[in-house]
C-alpha cells in the first residue's frame, strides 16, 4: 500500500512539473507573439497557459488532500 501511495504521489508531482513547465513556456511564447503584433494568437496561447497553471494548482490540491488523508490515517492508527 505504501509503495502504491508513493507511486501515486510521484506521478502527481511529475504532472505538476509538466503542467507548470508547459505553462511557463506558453507564457513566454505568448509574450513573443504579442511583441510581434500577433495579439489574438498571444491571447489564445495565454489562455492555454492559464489553463495549465490551473491544472497544476488542482494537482497541488490533490497532493495536499492525500497528505491530509495520510496524516489522519496515521493518527487514527495510534
C-alpha atoms as a PDB file:
ATOM      1  CA  UNK A   1       0.000   0.000   0.000  1.00  0.00           C
ATOM      2  CA  UNK A   2       2.817   2.388   0.857  1.00  0.00           C
ATOM      3  CA  UNK A   3       4.539   1.711  -2.487  1.00  0.00           C
ATOM      4  CA  UNK A   4       1.303   2.332  -4.375  1.00  0.00           C
ATOM      5  CA  UNK A   5       0.764   5.601  -2.488  1.00  0.00           C
ATOM      6  CA  UNK A   6       4.362   6.659  -3.169  1.00  0.00           C
ATOM      7  CA  UNK A   7       3.949   5.940  -6.903  1.00  0.00           C
ATOM      8  CA  UNK A   8       0.737   7.965  -6.931  1.00  0.00           C
ATOM      9  CA  UNK A   9       2.426  10.919  -5.214  1.00  0.00           C
ATOM     10  CA  UNK A  10       5.379  10.688  -7.607  1.00  0.00           C
ATOM     11  CA  UNK A  11       3.020  10.639 -10.606  1.00  0.00           C
ATOM     12  CA  UNK A  12       1.136  13.690  -9.318  1.00  0.00           C
ATOM     13  CA  UNK A  13       4.388  15.575  -8.737  1.00  0.00           C
ATOM     14  CA  UNK A  14       5.559  14.715 -12.264  1.00  0.00           C
ATOM     15  CA  UNK A  15       2.259  16.019 -13.665  1.00  0.00           C
ATOM     16  CA  UNK A  16       2.588  19.239 -11.658  1.00  0.00           C
ATOM     17  CA  UNK A  17       6.081  19.785 -13.023  1.00  0.00           C
ATOM     18  CA  UNK A  18       4.910  19.107 -16.578  1.00  0.00           C
ATOM     19  CA  UNK A  19       1.901  21.436 -16.377  1.00  0.00           C
ATOM     20  CA  UNK A  20       3.800  24.266 -14.722  1.00  0.00           C
ATOM     21  CA  UNK A  21       6.736  23.966 -17.121  1.00  0.00           C
ATOM     22  CA  UNK A  22       4.451  23.977 -20.132  1.00  0.00           C
ATOM     23  CA  UNK A  23       2.529  26.940 -18.720  1.00  0.00           C
ATOM     24  CA  UNK A  24       5.762  28.908 -18.373  1.00  0.00           C
ATOM     25  CA  UNK A  25       6.881  28.062 -21.907  1.00  0.00           C
ATOM     26  CA  UNK A  26       3.495  29.044 -23.306  1.00  0.00           C
ATOM     27  CA  UNK A  27       3.520  32.338 -21.385  1.00  0.00           C
ATOM     28  CA  UNK A  28       6.935  33.188 -22.808  1.00  0.00           C
ATOM     29  CA  UNK A  29       5.798  32.264 -26.327  1.00  0.00           C
ATOM     30  CA  UNK A  30       2.639  34.367 -25.903  1.00  0.00           C
ATOM     31  CA  UNK A  31       4.770  37.323 -24.901  1.00  0.00           C
ATOM     32  CA  UNK A  32       6.882  36.954 -28.047  1.00  0.00           C
ATOM     33  CA  UNK A  33       3.728  36.725 -30.168  1.00  0.00           C
ATOM     34  CA  UNK A  34       2.352  39.853 -28.518  1.00  0.00           C
ATOM     35  CA  UNK A  35       5.589  41.774 -29.129  1.00  0.00           C
ATOM     36  CA  UNK A  36       5.473  40.691 -32.786  1.00  0.00           C
ATOM     37  CA  UNK A  37       1.946  42.062 -33.098  1.00  0.00           C
ATOM     38  CA  UNK A  38       0.079  38.759 -33.138  1.00  0.00           C
ATOM     39  CA  UNK A  39      -2.264  39.807 -30.347  1.00  0.00           C
ATOM     40  CA  UNK A  40      -5.107  37.345 -30.988  1.00  0.00           C
ATOM     41  CA  UNK A  41      -2.677  34.435 -31.158  1.00  0.00           C
ATOM     42  CA  UNK A  42      -0.952  35.652 -27.999  1.00  0.00           C
ATOM     43  CA  UNK A  43      -4.267  35.786 -26.145  1.00  0.00           C
ATOM     44  CA  UNK A  44      -5.138  32.235 -27.198  1.00  0.00           C
ATOM     45  CA  UNK A  45      -1.744  30.987 -26.043  1.00  0.00           C
ATOM     46  CA  UNK A  46      -2.101  32.885 -22.756  1.00  0.00           C
ATOM     47  CA  UNK A  47      -5.475  31.219 -22.180  1.00  0.00           C
ATOM     48  CA  UNK A  48      -3.875  27.820 -22.701  1.00  0.00           C
ATOM     49  CA  UNK A  49      -1.068  28.789 -20.341  1.00  0.00           C
ATOM     50  CA  UNK A  50      -3.581  29.812 -17.660  1.00  0.00           C
ATOM     51  CA  UNK A  51      -5.426  26.507 -18.090  1.00  0.00           C
ATOM     52  CA  UNK A  52      -2.163  24.640 -17.495  1.00  0.00           C
ATOM     53  CA  UNK A  53      -1.476  26.695 -14.370  1.00  0.00           C
ATOM     54  CA  UNK A  54      -4.971  25.961 -13.064  1.00  0.00           C
ATOM     55  CA  UNK A  55      -4.461  22.241 -13.678  1.00  0.00           C
ATOM     56  CA  UNK A  56      -1.182  22.461 -11.762  1.00  0.00           C
ATOM     57  CA  UNK A  57      -2.982  24.109  -8.856  1.00  0.00           C
ATOM     58  CA  UNK A  58      -5.673  21.423  -8.914  1.00  0.00           C
ATOM     59  CA  UNK A  59      -2.984  18.749  -8.770  1.00  0.00           C
ATOM     60  CA  UNK A  60      -1.323  20.537  -5.850  1.00  0.00           C
ATOM     61  CA  UNK A  61      -4.691  20.458  -4.101  1.00  0.00           C
ATOM     62  CA  UNK A  62      -4.959  16.734  -4.743  1.00  0.00           C
ATOM     63  CA  UNK A  63      -1.477  16.248  -3.340  1.00  0.00           C
ATOM     64  CA  UNK A  64      -2.402  18.231  -0.223  1.00  0.00           C
ATOM     65  CA  UNK A  65      -5.566  16.168   0.218  1.00  0.00           C
ATOM     66  CA  UNK A  66      -3.512  12.967   0.031  1.00  0.00           C
ATOM     67  CA  UNK A  67      -1.114  14.326   2.645  1.00  0.00           C
ATOM     68  CA  UNK A  68      -4.006  15.167   4.960  1.00  0.00           C
ATOM     69  CA  UNK A  69      -5.563  11.736   4.435  1.00  0.00           C
ATOM     70  CA  UNK A  70      -2.227  10.082   5.196  1.00  0.00           C
ATOM     71  CA  UNK A  71      -1.813  12.178   8.329  1.00  0.00           C
ATOM     72  CA  UNK A  72      -5.343  11.391   9.521  1.00  0.00           C
ATOM     73  CA  UNK A  73      -4.843   7.695   8.790  1.00  0.00           C
ATOM     74  CA  UNK A  74      -1.633   7.570  10.819  1.00  0.00           C
ATOM     75  CA  UNK A  75      -3.180   9.484  13.703  1.00  0.00           C
ATOM     76  CA  UNK A  76      -6.155   7.146  13.723  1.00  0.00           C
ATOM     77  CA  UNK A  77      -3.932   4.084  13.933  1.00  0.00           C
ATOM     78  CA  UNK A  78      -2.307   5.219  17.203  1.00  0.00           C
END
